[in-house]
Amino acid sequence: MLTTVVETPEFSRKAKALLTEAERMRIVDTLSAQPEAGVSLGGGLRKVRFAREGGGKSGGFRTIHFYAPGQGLPVFLMDVFAKNVRGNVTTGEQAAMTEAAAQIAGTYGEKK
């Protein structure tokens, strides 16, 4: 079963500057089919490595998404960045995304 994928405004803004439409769709398709892909960062956040078109994963880009299995929530794409620009998220960025993910989950749950 495929999981719905929602792009946050922050992700959409960065994706427009960084990704081709084909790369963006590959991210959405991959995470829809495999929402638990990648490495857990805690708090429901996961980091996934993606290769650039015609390149390898090591020089590609990273995505951060929020997924809470068992809560009936979609996957929320939170961030995307090029590996050559930034190797990882900072502790502060991760804390901010964890807080944002908790707010998203609470708000989404209220609307269901």
PDB file of N, CA and C in Angstrom:
ATOM      1  N   MET A   1       0.834  -1.177   0.000  1.00  0.00           N
ATOM      2  CA  MET A   1       0.000   0.000   0.000  1.00  0.00           C
ATOM      3  C   MET A   1       0.885   1.249   0.000  1.00  0.00           C
ATOM      4  N   LEU A   2       0.532   2.220  -0.801  1.00  0.00           N
ATOM      5  CA  LEU A   2       1.295   3.456  -0.880  1.00  0.00           C
ATOM      6  C   LEU A   2       0.832   4.434   0.194  1.00  0.00           C
ATOM      7  N   THR A   3       1.780   5.198   0.703  1.00  0.00           N
ATOM      8  CA  THR A   3       1.507   6.212   1.713  1.00  0.00           C
ATOM      9  C   THR A   3       1.477   7.579   1.040  1.00  0.00           C
ATOM     10  N   THR A   4       0.548   8.414   1.437  1.00  0.00           N
ATOM     11  CA  THR A   4       0.491   9.779   0.915  1.00  0.00           C
ATOM     12  C   THR A   4       1.739  10.539   1.351  1.00  0.00           C
ATOM     13  N   VAL A   5       2.275  11.365   0.459  1.00  0.00           N
ATOM     14  CA  VAL A   5       3.453  12.182   0.754  1.00  0.00           C
ATOM     15  C   VAL A   5       3.064  13.648   0.620  1.00  0.00           C
ATOM     16  N   VAL A   6       3.380  14.434   1.650  1.00  0.00           N
ATOM     17  CA  VAL A   6       3.069  15.864   1.677  1.00  0.00           C
ATOM     18  C   VAL A   6       4.375  16.645   1.728  1.00  0.00           C
ATOM     19  N   GLU A   7       4.515  17.620   0.855  1.00  0.00           N
ATOM     20  CA  GLU A   7       5.692  18.491   0.869  1.00  0.00           C
ATOM     21  C   GLU A   7       5.401  19.705   1.745  1.00  0.00           C
ATOM     22  N   THR A   8       6.256  19.949   2.742  1.00  0.00           N
ATOM     23  CA  THR A   8       6.116  21.166   3.534  1.00  0.00           C
ATOM     24  C   THR A   8       6.557  22.350   2.678  1.00  0.00           C
ATOM     25  N   PRO A   9       6.122  23.560   3.013  1.00  0.00           N
ATOM     26  CA  PRO A   9       6.556  24.734   2.242  1.00  0.00           C
ATOM     27  C   PRO A   9       8.080  24.875   2.181  1.00  0.00           C
ATOM     28  N   GLU A  10       8.765  24.572   3.275  1.00  0.00           N
ATOM     29  CA  GLU A  10      10.239  24.660   3.303  1.00  0.00           C
ATOM     30  C   GLU A  10      10.853  23.685   2.310  1.00  0.00           C
ATOM     31  N   PHE A  11      10.354  22.453   2.305  1.00  0.00           N
ATOM     32  CA  PHE A  11      10.865  21.469   1.354  1.00  0.00           C
ATOM     33  C   PHE A  11      10.603  21.923  -0.074  1.00  0.00           C
ATOM     34  N   SER A  12       9.387  22.359  -0.354  1.00  0.00           N
ATOM     35  CA  SER A  12       9.032  22.778  -1.717  1.00  0.00           C
ATOM     36  C   SER A  12       9.928  23.908  -2.208  1.00  0.00           C
ATOM     37  N   ARG A  13      10.189  24.880  -1.342  1.00  0.00           N
ATOM     38  CA  ARG A  13      11.039  26.008  -1.714  1.00  0.00           C
ATOM     39  C   ARG A  13      12.443  25.544  -2.076  1.00  0.00           C
ATOM     40  N   LYS A  14      13.012  24.686  -1.238  1.00  0.00           N
ATOM     41  CA  LYS A  14      14.369  24.193  -1.493  1.00  0.00           C
ATOM     42  C   LYS A  14      14.408  23.253  -2.692  1.00  0.00           C
ATOM     43  N   ALA A  15      13.376  22.429  -2.843  1.00  0.00           N
ATOM     44  CA  ALA A  15      13.339  21.472  -3.953  1.00  0.00           C
ATOM     45  C   ALA A  15      13.313  22.189  -5.295  1.00  0.00           C
ATOM     46  N   LYS A  16      12.580  23.291  -5.382  1.00  0.00           N
ATOM     47  CA  LYS A  16      12.520  24.045  -6.640  1.00  0.00           C
ATOM     48  C   LYS A  16      13.892  24.539  -7.061  1.00  0.00           C
ATOM     49  N   ALA A  17      14.724  24.895  -6.084  1.00  0.00           N
ATOM     50  CA  ALA A  17      16.057  25.418  -6.385  1.00  0.00           C
ATOM     51  C   ALA A  17      17.081  24.314  -6.624  1.00  0.00           C
ATOM     52  N   LEU A  18      16.847  23.132  -6.077  1.00  0.00           N
ATOM     53  CA  LEU A  18      17.871  22.088  -6.057  1.00  0.00           C
ATOM     54  C   LEU A  18      17.598  20.906  -6.981  1.00  0.00           C
ATOM     55  N   LEU A  19      16.338  20.538  -7.163  1.00  0.00           N
ATOM     56  CA  LEU A  19      15.997  19.284  -7.831  1.00  0.00           C
ATOM     57  C   LEU A  19      15.350  19.504  -9.189  1.00  0.00           C
ATOM     58  N   THR A  20      15.541  18.519 -10.059  1.00  0.00           N
ATOM     59  CA  THR A  20      14.739  18.488 -11.278  1.00  0.00           C
ATOM     60  C   THR A  20      13.370  17.922 -10.904  1.00  0.00           C
ATOM     61  N   GLU A  21      12.408  18.087 -11.765  1.00  0.00           N
ATOM     62  CA  GLU A  21      11.077  17.529 -11.506  1.00  0.00           C
ATOM     63  C   GLU A  21      11.147  16.007 -11.402  1.00  0.00           C
ATOM     64  N   ALA A  22      11.982  15.380 -12.216  1.00  0.00           N
ATOM     65  CA  ALA A  22      12.134  13.918 -12.169  1.00  0.00           C
ATOM     66  C   ALA A  22      12.728  13.478 -10.830  1.00  0.00           C
ATOM     67  N   GLU A  23      13.707  14.223 -10.312  1.00  0.00           N
ATOM     68  CA  GLU A  23      14.302  13.883  -9.012  1.00  0.00           C
ATOM     69  C   GLU A  23      13.272  14.049  -7.897  1.00  0.00           C
ATOM     70  N   ARG A  24      12.503  15.118  -7.949  1.00  0.00           N
ATOM     71  CA  ARG A  24      11.475  15.350  -6.934  1.00  0.00           C
ATOM     72  C   ARG A  24      10.436  14.228  -6.950  1.00  0.00           C
ATOM     73  N   MET A  25      10.013  13.831  -8.135  1.00  0.00           N
ATOM     74  CA  MET A  25       9.028  12.753  -8.240  1.00  0.00           C
ATOM     75  C   MET A  25       9.608  11.420  -7.770  1.00  0.00           C
ATOM     76  N   ARG A  26      10.891  11.193  -8.007  1.00  0.00           N
ATOM     77  CA  ARG A  26      11.535   9.961  -7.535  1.00  0.00           C
ATOM     78  C   ARG A  26      11.530   9.915  -6.008  1.00  0.00           C
ATOM     79  N   ILE A  27      11.776  11.046  -5.365  1.00  0.00           N
ATOM     80  CA  ILE A  27      11.720  11.114  -3.902  1.00  0.00           C
ATOM     81  C   ILE A  27      10.314  10.771  -3.419  1.00  0.00           C
ATOM     82  N   VAL A  28       9.319  11.423  -3.992  1.00  0.00           N
ATOM     83  CA  VAL A  28       7.928  11.188  -3.591  1.00  0.00           C
ATOM     84  C   VAL A  28       7.547   9.725  -3.815  1.00  0.00           C
ATOM     85  N   ASP A  29       7.868   9.183  -4.975  1.00  0.00           N
ATOM     86  CA  ASP A  29       7.522   7.789  -5.279  1.00  0.00           C
ATOM     87  C   ASP A  29       8.218   6.821  -4.327  1.00  0.00           C
ATOM     88  N   THR A  30       9.497   7.066  -4.056  1.00  0.00           N
ATOM     89  CA  THR A  30      10.256   6.182  -3.160  1.00  0.00           C
ATOM     90  C   THR A  30       9.670   6.192  -1.759  1.00  0.00           C
ATOM     91  N   LEU A  31       9.420   7.380  -1.221  1.00  0.00           N
ATOM     92  CA  LEU A  31       8.929   7.466   0.153  1.00  0.00           C
ATOM     93  C   LEU A  31       7.470   7.048   0.279  1.00  0.00           C
ATOM     94  N   SER A  32       6.713   7.167  -0.782  1.00  0.00           N
ATOM     95  CA  SER A  32       5.340   6.671  -0.770  1.00  0.00           C
ATOM     96  C   SER A  32       5.328   5.149  -0.632  1.00  0.00           C
ATOM     97  N   ALA A  33       6.246   4.497  -1.324  1.00  0.00           N
ATOM     98  CA  ALA A  33       6.329   3.034  -1.286  1.00  0.00           C
ATOM     99  C   ALA A  33       7.103   2.521  -0.074  1.00  0.00           C
ATOM    100  N   GLN A  34       8.074   3.324   0.403  1.00  0.00           N
ATOM    101  CA  GLN A  34       8.945   2.898   1.504  1.00  0.00           C
ATOM    102  C   GLN A  34       9.081   4.023   2.532  1.00  0.00           C
ATOM    103  N   PRO A  35       8.030   4.327   3.276  1.00  0.00           N
ATOM    104  CA  PRO A  35       8.078   5.466   4.198  1.00  0.00           C
ATOM    105  C   PRO A  35       9.090   5.317   5.331  1.00  0.00           C
ATOM    106  N   GLU A  36       9.526   4.094   5.609  1.00  0.00           N
ATOM    107  CA  GLU A  36      10.514   3.888   6.671  1.00  0.00           C
ATOM    108  C   GLU A  36      11.932   3.784   6.122  1.00  0.00           C
ATOM    109  N   ALA A  37      12.127   4.220   4.875  1.00  0.00           N
ATOM    110  CA  ALA A  37      13.463   4.201   4.270  1.00  0.00           C
ATOM    111  C   ALA A  37      14.381   5.166   5.011  1.00  0.00           C
ATOM    112  N   GLY A  38      15.671   4.884   4.925  1.00  0.00           N
ATOM    113  CA  GLY A  38      16.662   5.801   5.480  1.00  0.00           C
ATOM    114  C   GLY A  38      17.025   5.506   6.917  1.00  0.00           C
ATOM    115  N   VAL A  39      17.709   6.471   7.507  1.00  0.00           N
ATOM    116  CA  VAL A  39      18.231   6.360   8.867  1.00  0.00           C
ATOM    117  C   VAL A  39      17.358   7.183   9.806  1.00  0.00           C
ATOM    118  N   SER A  40      16.989   6.595  10.932  1.00  0.00           N
ATOM    119  CA  SER A  40      16.187   7.319  11.913  1.00  0.00           C
ATOM    120  C   SER A  40      17.029   8.379  12.607  1.00  0.00           C
ATOM    121  N   LEU A  41      16.470   9.588  12.709  1.00  0.00           N
ATOM    122  CA  LEU A  41      17.104  10.673  13.451  1.00  0.00           C
ATOM    123  C   LEU A  41      16.403  10.897  14.788  1.00  0.00           C
ATOM    124  N   GLY A  42      15.376  10.103  15.062  1.00  0.00           N
ATOM    125  CA  GLY A  42      14.599  10.243  16.283  1.00  0.00           C
ATOM    126  C   GLY A  42      13.396  11.150  16.078  1.00  0.00           C
ATOM    127  N   GLY A  43      12.397  10.997  16.903  1.00  0.00           N
ATOM    128  CA  GLY A  43      11.206  11.835  16.836  1.00  0.00           C
ATOM    129  C   GLY A  43      10.388  11.661  15.572  1.00  0.00           C
ATOM    130  N   GLY A  44      10.567  10.532  14.886  1.00  0.00           N
ATOM    131  CA  GLY A  44       9.850  10.282  13.642  1.00  0.00           C
ATOM    132  C   GLY A  44      10.549  10.825  12.404  1.00  0.00           C
ATOM    133  N   LEU A  45      11.680  11.507  12.591  1.00  0.00           N
ATOM    134  CA  LEU A  45      12.438  12.037  11.459  1.00  0.00           C
ATOM    135  C   LEU A  45      13.348  10.962  10.884  1.00  0.00           C
ATOM    136  N   ARG A  46      13.475  10.967   9.554  1.00  0.00           N
ATOM    137  CA  ARG A  46      14.342  10.018   8.867  1.00  0.00           C
ATOM    138  C   ARG A  46      15.128  10.753   7.793  1.00  0.00           C
ATOM    139  N   LYS A  47      16.378  10.337   7.593  1.00  0.00           N
ATOM    140  CA  LYS A  47      17.229  10.923   6.555  1.00  0.00           C
ATOM    141  C   LYS A  47      17.476   9.872   5.483  1.00  0.00           C
ATOM    142  N   VAL A  48      17.262  10.271   4.222  1.00  0.00           N
ATOM    143  CA  VAL A  48      17.455   9.357   3.098  1.00  0.00           C
ATOM    144  C   VAL A  48      18.422   9.988   2.105  1.00  0.00           C
ATOM    145  N   ARG A  49      19.336   9.169   1.611  1.00  0.00           N
ATOM    146  CA  ARG A  49      20.278   9.599   0.577  1.00  0.00           C
ATOM    147  C   ARG A  49      19.705   9.260  -0.790  1.00  0.00           C
ATOM    148  N   PHE A  50      19.781  10.218  -1.696  1.00  0.00           N
ATOM    149  CA  PHE A  50      19.346  10.009  -3.074  1.00  0.00           C
ATOM    150  C   PHE A  50      20.461  10.418  -4.021  1.00  0.00           C
ATOM    151  N   ALA A  51      20.607   9.652  -5.090  1.00  0.00           N
ATOM    152  CA  ALA A  51      21.591   9.991  -6.122  1.00  0.00           C
ATOM    153  C   ALA A  51      21.014  11.058  -7.042  1.00  0.00           C
ATOM    154  N   ARG A  52      21.888  11.896  -7.553  1.00  0.00           N
ATOM    155  CA  ARG A  52      21.489  12.841  -8.600  1.00  0.00           C
ATOM    156  C   ARG A  52      21.298  12.061  -9.881  1.00  0.00           C
ATOM    157  N   GLU A  53      20.518  12.597 -10.798  1.00  0.00           N
ATOM    158  CA  GLU A  53      20.377  11.956 -12.099  1.00  0.00           C
ATOM    159  C   GLU A  53      21.762  11.843 -12.723  1.00  0.00           C
ATOM    160  N   GLY A  54      22.148  10.622 -13.089  1.00  0.00           N
ATOM    161  CA  GLY A  54      23.447  10.394 -13.709  1.00  0.00           C
ATOM    162  C   GLY A  54      24.605  10.380 -12.734  1.00  0.00           C
ATOM    163  N   GLY A  55      24.334  10.344 -11.428  1.00  0.00           N
ATOM    164  CA  GLY A  55      25.403  10.355 -10.428  1.00  0.00           C
ATOM    165  C   GLY A  55      25.154   9.341  -9.342  1.00  0.00           C
ATOM    166  N   GLY A  56      26.056   9.310  -8.375  1.00  0.00           N
ATOM    167  CA  GLY A  56      25.940   8.378  -7.263  1.00  0.00           C
ATOM    168  C   GLY A  56      25.352   9.043  -6.025  1.00  0.00           C
ATOM    169  N   LYS A  57      25.052   8.222  -5.018  1.00  0.00           N
ATOM    170  CA  LYS A  57      24.473   8.734  -3.780  1.00  0.00           C
ATOM    171  C   LYS A  57      25.440   9.617  -3.007  1.00  0.00           C
ATOM    172  N   SER A  58      26.746   9.292  -3.062  1.00  0.00           N
ATOM    173  CA  SER A  58      27.701  10.038  -2.246  1.00  0.00           C
ATOM    174  C   SER A  58      27.766  11.504  -2.641  1.00  0.00           C
ATOM    175  N   GLY A  59      27.528  11.817  -3.901  1.00  0.00           N
ATOM    176  CA  GLY A  59      27.544  13.207  -4.342  1.00  0.00           C
ATOM    177  C   GLY A  59      26.158  13.752  -4.596  1.00  0.00           C
ATOM    178  N   GLY A  60      25.152  13.060  -4.137  1.00  0.00           N
ATOM    179  CA  GLY A  60      23.771  13.440  -4.417  1.00  0.00           C
ATOM    180  C   GLY A  60      23.201  14.389  -3.395  1.00  0.00           C
ATOM    181  N   PHE A  61      21.999  14.116  -2.968  1.00  0.00           N
ATOM    182  CA  PHE A  61      21.342  14.983  -2.013  1.00  0.00           C
ATOM    183  C   PHE A  61      20.687  14.156  -0.927  1.00  0.00           C
ATOM    184  N   ARG A  62      20.309  14.832   0.140  1.00  0.00           N
ATOM    185  CA  ARG A  62      19.702  14.196   1.303  1.00  0.00           C
ATOM    186  C   ARG A  62      18.319  14.791   1.529  1.00  0.00           C
ATOM    187  N   THR A  63      17.416  13.961   1.984  1.00  0.00           N
ATOM    188  CA  THR A  63      16.096  14.451   2.378  1.00  0.00           C
ATOM    189  C   THR A  63      15.863  14.096   3.840  1.00  0.00           C
ATOM    190  N   ILE A  64      15.097  14.928   4.498  1.00  0.00           N
ATOM    191  CA  ILE A  64      14.637  14.642   5.851  1.00  0.00           C
ATOM    192  C   ILE A  64      13.113  14.595   5.775  1.00  0.00           C
ATOM    193  N   HIS A  65      12.546  13.498   6.256  1.00  0.00           N
ATOM    194  CA  HIS A  65      11.091  13.400   6.273  1.00  0.00           C
ATOM    195  C   HIS A  65      10.609  12.929   7.634  1.00  0.00           C
ATOM    196  N   PHE A  66       9.353  13.217   7.907  1.00  0.00           N
ATOM    197  CA  PHE A  66       8.712  12.807   9.143  1.00  0.00           C
ATOM    198  C   PHE A  66       7.700  11.725   8.813  1.00  0.00           C
ATOM    199  N   TYR A  67       7.786  10.617   9.550  1.00  0.00           N
ATOM    200  CA  TYR A  67       6.834   9.528   9.374  1.00  0.00           C
ATOM    201  C   TYR A  67       6.564   8.904  10.731  1.00  0.00           C
ATOM    202  N   ALA A  68       5.296   8.787  11.079  1.00  0.00           N
ATOM    203  CA  ALA A  68       4.888   8.203  12.354  1.00  0.00           C
ATOM    204  C   ALA A  68       3.996   7.003  12.071  1.00  0.00           C
ATOM    205  N   PRO A  69       4.597   5.816  11.905  1.00  0.00           N
ATOM    206  CA  PRO A  69       3.792   4.635  11.598  1.00  0.00           C
ATOM    207  C   PRO A  69       2.768   4.368  12.702  1.00  0.00           C
ATOM    208  N   GLY A  70       1.611   3.920  12.283  1.00  0.00           N
ATOM    209  CA  GLY A  70       0.568   3.594  13.244  1.00  0.00           C
ATOM    210  C   GLY A  70      -0.315   4.769  13.636  1.00  0.00           C
ATOM    211  N   GLN A  71       0.038   5.980  13.208  1.00  0.00           N
ATOM    212  CA  GLN A  71      -0.773   7.149  13.553  1.00  0.00           C
ATOM    213  C   GLN A  71      -1.687   7.586  12.410  1.00  0.00           C
ATOM    214  N   GLY A  72      -1.594   6.893  11.280  1.00  0.00           N
ATOM    215  CA  GLY A  72      -2.443   7.239  10.144  1.00  0.00           C
ATOM    216  C   GLY A  72      -2.076   8.544   9.469  1.00  0.00           C
ATOM    217  N   LEU A  73      -0.841   8.980   9.659  1.00  0.00           N
ATOM    218  CA  LEU A  73      -0.378  10.234   9.067  1.00  0.00           C
ATOM    219  C   LEU A  73       0.350   9.973   7.757  1.00  0.00           C
ATOM    220  N   PRO A  74       0.342  10.949   6.854  1.00  0.00           N
ATOM    221  CA  PRO A  74       1.164  10.814   5.649  1.00  0.00           C
ATOM    222  C   PRO A  74       2.636  11.030   5.983  1.00  0.00           C
ATOM    223  N   VAL A  75       3.480  10.833   4.999  1.00  0.00           N
ATOM    224  CA  VAL A  75       4.893  11.203   5.096  1.00  0.00           C
ATOM    225  C   VAL A  75       4.964  12.703   4.838  1.00  0.00           C
ATOM    226  N   PHE A  76       5.702  13.427   5.669  1.00  0.00           N
ATOM    227  CA  PHE A  76       5.899  14.858   5.469  1.00  0.00           C
ATOM    228  C   PHE A  76       7.354  15.110   5.099  1.00  0.00           C
ATOM    229  N   LEU A  77       7.579  15.614   3.892  1.00  0.00           N
ATOM    230  CA  LEU A  77       8.928  15.979   3.460  1.00  0.00           C
ATOM    231  C   LEU A  77       9.286  17.296   4.126  1.00  0.00           C
ATOM    232  N   MET A  78      10.361  17.293   4.918  1.00  0.00           N
ATOM    233  CA  MET A  78      10.722  18.456   5.735  1.00  0.00           C
ATOM    234  C   MET A  78      11.864  19.283   5.149  1.00  0.00           C
ATOM    235  N   ASP A  79      12.881  18.605   4.569  1.00  0.00           N
ATOM    236  CA  ASP A  79      14.081  19.321   4.121  1.00  0.00           C
ATOM    237  C   ASP A  79      14.766  18.536   3.019  1.00  0.00           C
ATOM    238  N   VAL A  80      15.510  19.241   2.189  1.00  0.00           N
ATOM    239  CA  VAL A  80      16.357  18.628   1.166  1.00  0.00           C
ATOM    240  C   VAL A  80      17.600  19.493   1.046  1.00  0.00           C
ATOM    241  N   PHE A  81      18.749  18.846   0.898  1.00  0.00           N
ATOM    242  CA  PHE A  81      19.992  19.598   0.736  1.00  0.00           C
ATOM    243  C   PHE A  81      20.994  18.771  -0.047  1.00  0.00           C
ATOM    244  N   ALA A  82      21.876  19.475  -0.743  1.00  0.00           N
ATOM    245  CA  ALA A  82      22.919  18.812  -1.517  1.00  0.00           C
ATOM    246  C   ALA A  82      24.033  18.372  -0.580  1.00  0.00           C
ATOM    247  N   LYS A  83      24.542  17.176  -0.782  1.00  0.00           N
ATOM    248  CA  LYS A  83      25.617  16.641   0.050  1.00  0.00           C
ATOM    249  C   LYS A  83      26.857  17.517  -0.035  1.00  0.00           C
ATOM    250  N   ASN A  84      27.144  18.076  -1.221  1.00  0.00           N
ATOM    251  CA  ASN A  84      28.359  18.881  -1.361  1.00  0.00           C
ATOM    252  C   ASN A  84      28.232  20.248  -0.687  1.00  0.00           C
ATOM    253  N   VAL A  85      27.024  20.660  -0.336  1.00  0.00           N
ATOM    254  CA  VAL A  85      26.817  21.934   0.349  1.00  0.00           C
ATOM    255  C   VAL A  85      26.820  21.736   1.862  1.00  0.00           C
ATOM    256  N   ARG A  86      26.217  20.643   2.297  1.00  0.00           N
ATOM    257  CA  ARG A  86      26.068  20.381   3.729  1.00  0.00           C
ATOM    258  C   ARG A  86      25.993  18.875   3.922  1.00  0.00           C
ATOM    259  N   GLY A  87      26.850  18.334   4.751  1.00  0.00           N
ATOM    260  CA  GLY A  87      26.883  16.893   4.942  1.00  0.00           C
ATOM    261  C   GLY A  87      25.763  16.348   5.804  1.00  0.00           C
ATOM    262  N   ASN A  88      25.294  17.169   6.739  1.00  0.00           N
ATOM    263  CA  ASN A  88      24.278  16.690   7.667  1.00  0.00           C
ATOM    264  C   ASN A  88      23.523  17.872   8.249  1.00  0.00           C
ATOM    265  N   VAL A  89      22.477  17.584   8.991  1.00  0.00           N
ATOM    266  CA  VAL A  89      21.748  18.643   9.684  1.00  0.00           C
ATOM    267  C   VAL A  89      22.418  18.898  11.027  1.00  0.00           C
ATOM    268  N   THR A  90      22.350  20.136  11.488  1.00  0.00           N
ATOM    269  CA  THR A  90      22.910  20.467  12.791  1.00  0.00           C
ATOM    270  C   THR A  90      21.947  20.013  13.882  1.00  0.00           C
ATOM    271  N   THR A  91      22.440  19.985  15.098  1.00  0.00           N
ATOM    272  CA  THR A  91      21.592  19.625  16.234  1.00  0.00           C
ATOM    273  C   THR A  91      20.419  20.591  16.352  1.00  0.00           C
ATOM    274  N   GLY A  92      20.681  21.879  16.138  1.00  0.00           N
ATOM    275  CA  GLY A  92      19.621  22.885  16.205  1.00  0.00           C
ATOM    276  C   GLY A  92      18.576  22.700  15.120  1.00  0.00           C
ATOM    277  N   GLU A  93      19.031  22.411  13.902  1.00  0.00           N
ATOM    278  CA  GLU A  93      18.097  22.168  12.799  1.00  0.00           C
ATOM    279  C   GLU A  93      17.248  20.937  13.073  1.00  0.00           C
ATOM    280  N   GLN A  94      17.886  19.898  13.588  1.00  0.00           N
ATOM    281  CA  GLN A  94      17.157  18.670  13.891  1.00  0.00           C
ATOM    282  C   GLN A  94      16.118  18.920  14.983  1.00  0.00           C
ATOM    283  N   ALA A  95      16.491  19.679  16.009  1.00  0.00           N
ATOM    284  CA  ALA A  95      15.546  19.992  17.085  1.00  0.00           C
ATOM    285  C   ALA A  95      14.362  20.794  16.546  1.00  0.00           C
ATOM    286  N   ALA A  96      14.637  21.754  15.664  1.00  0.00           N
ATOM    287  CA  ALA A  96      13.558  22.561  15.076  1.00  0.00           C
ATOM    288  C   ALA A  96      12.635  21.696  14.225  1.00  0.00           C
ATOM    289  N   MET A  97      13.211  20.766  13.456  1.00  0.00           N
ATOM    290  CA  MET A  97      12.378  19.883  12.628  1.00  0.00           C
ATOM    291  C   MET A  97      11.570  18.917  13.488  1.00  0.00           C
ATOM    292  N   THR A  98      12.152  18.445  14.589  1.00  0.00           N
ATOM    293  CA  THR A  98      11.424  17.561  15.500  1.00  0.00           C
ATOM    294  C   THR A  98      10.225  18.295  16.093  1.00  0.00           C
ATOM    295  N   GLU A  99      10.438  19.546  16.487  1.00  0.00           N
ATOM    296  CA  GLU A  99       9.342  20.355  17.031  1.00  0.00           C
ATOM    297  C   GLU A  99       8.272  20.607  15.964  1.00  0.00           C
ATOM    298  N   ALA A 100       8.705  20.944  14.761  1.00  0.00           N
ATOM    299  CA  ALA A 100       7.755  21.177  13.662  1.00  0.00           C
ATOM    300  C   ALA A 100       6.968  19.913  13.349  1.00  0.00           C
ATOM    301  N   ALA A 101       7.643  18.763  13.372  1.00  0.00           N
ATOM    302  CA  ALA A 101       6.970  17.493  13.099  1.00  0.00           C
ATOM    303  C   ALA A 101       5.908  17.205  14.155  1.00  0.00           C
ATOM    304  N   ALA A 102       6.220  17.487  15.420  1.00  0.00           N
ATOM    305  CA  ALA A 102       5.243  17.276  16.490  1.00  0.00           C
ATOM    306  C   ALA A 102       4.031  18.188  16.302  1.00  0.00           C
ATOM    307  N   GLN A 103       4.270  19.428  15.885  1.00  0.00           N
ATOM    308  CA  GLN A 103       3.164  20.356  15.630  1.00  0.00           C
ATOM    309  C   GLN A 103       2.318  19.885  14.450  1.00  0.00           C
ATOM    310  N   ILE A 104       2.990  19.423  13.395  1.00  0.00           N
ATOM    311  CA  ILE A 104       2.270  18.909  12.224  1.00  0.00           C
ATOM    312  C   ILE A 104       1.396  17.727  12.624  1.00  0.00           C
ATOM    313  N   ALA A 105       1.977  16.798  13.389  1.00  0.00           N
ATOM    314  CA  ALA A 105       1.233  15.607  13.806  1.00  0.00           C
ATOM    315  C   ALA A 105       0.026  15.995  14.650  1.00  0.00           C
ATOM    316  N   GLY A 106       0.212  16.937  15.568  1.00  0.00           N
ATOM    317  CA  GLY A 106      -0.893  17.375  16.412  1.00  0.00           C
ATOM    318  C   GLY A 106      -1.986  18.059  15.613  1.00  0.00           C
ATOM    319  N   THR A 107      -1.593  18.943  14.722  1.00  0.00           N
ATOM    320  CA  THR A 107      -2.559  19.667  13.892  1.00  0.00           C
ATOM    321  C   THR A 107      -3.277  18.722  12.944  1.00  0.00           C
ATOM    322  N   TYR A 108      -2.537  17.845  12.303  1.00  0.00           N
ATOM    323  CA  TYR A 108      -3.143  16.909  11.355  1.00  0.00           C
ATOM    324  C   TYR A 108      -4.116  15.979  12.078  1.00  0.00           C
ATOM    325  N   GLY A 109      -3.713  15.511  13.262  1.00  0.00           N
ATOM    326  CA  GLY A 109      -4.570  14.620  14.040  1.00  0.00           C
ATOM    327  C   GLY A 109      -5.876  15.277  14.450  1.00  0.00           C
ATOM    328  N   GLU A 110      -5.842  16.595  14.729  1.00  0.00           N
ATOM    329  CA  GLU A 110      -7.051  17.320  15.120  1.00  0.00           C
ATOM    330  C   GLU A 110      -8.035  17.432  13.963  1.00  0.00           C
ATOM    331  N   LYS A 111      -7.510  17.480  12.733  1.00  0.00           N
ATOM    332  CA  LYS A 111      -8.362  17.669  11.556  1.00  0.00           C
ATOM    333  C   LYS A 111      -8.980  16.369  11.068  1.00  0.00           C
ATOM    334  N   LYS A 112      -8.478  15.242  11.545  1.00  0.00           N
ATOM    335  CA  LYS A 112      -8.993  13.952  11.077  1.00  0.00           C
ATOM    336  C   LYS A 112     -10.361  13.671  11.646  1.00  0.00           C
TER     337      LYS A 112
END
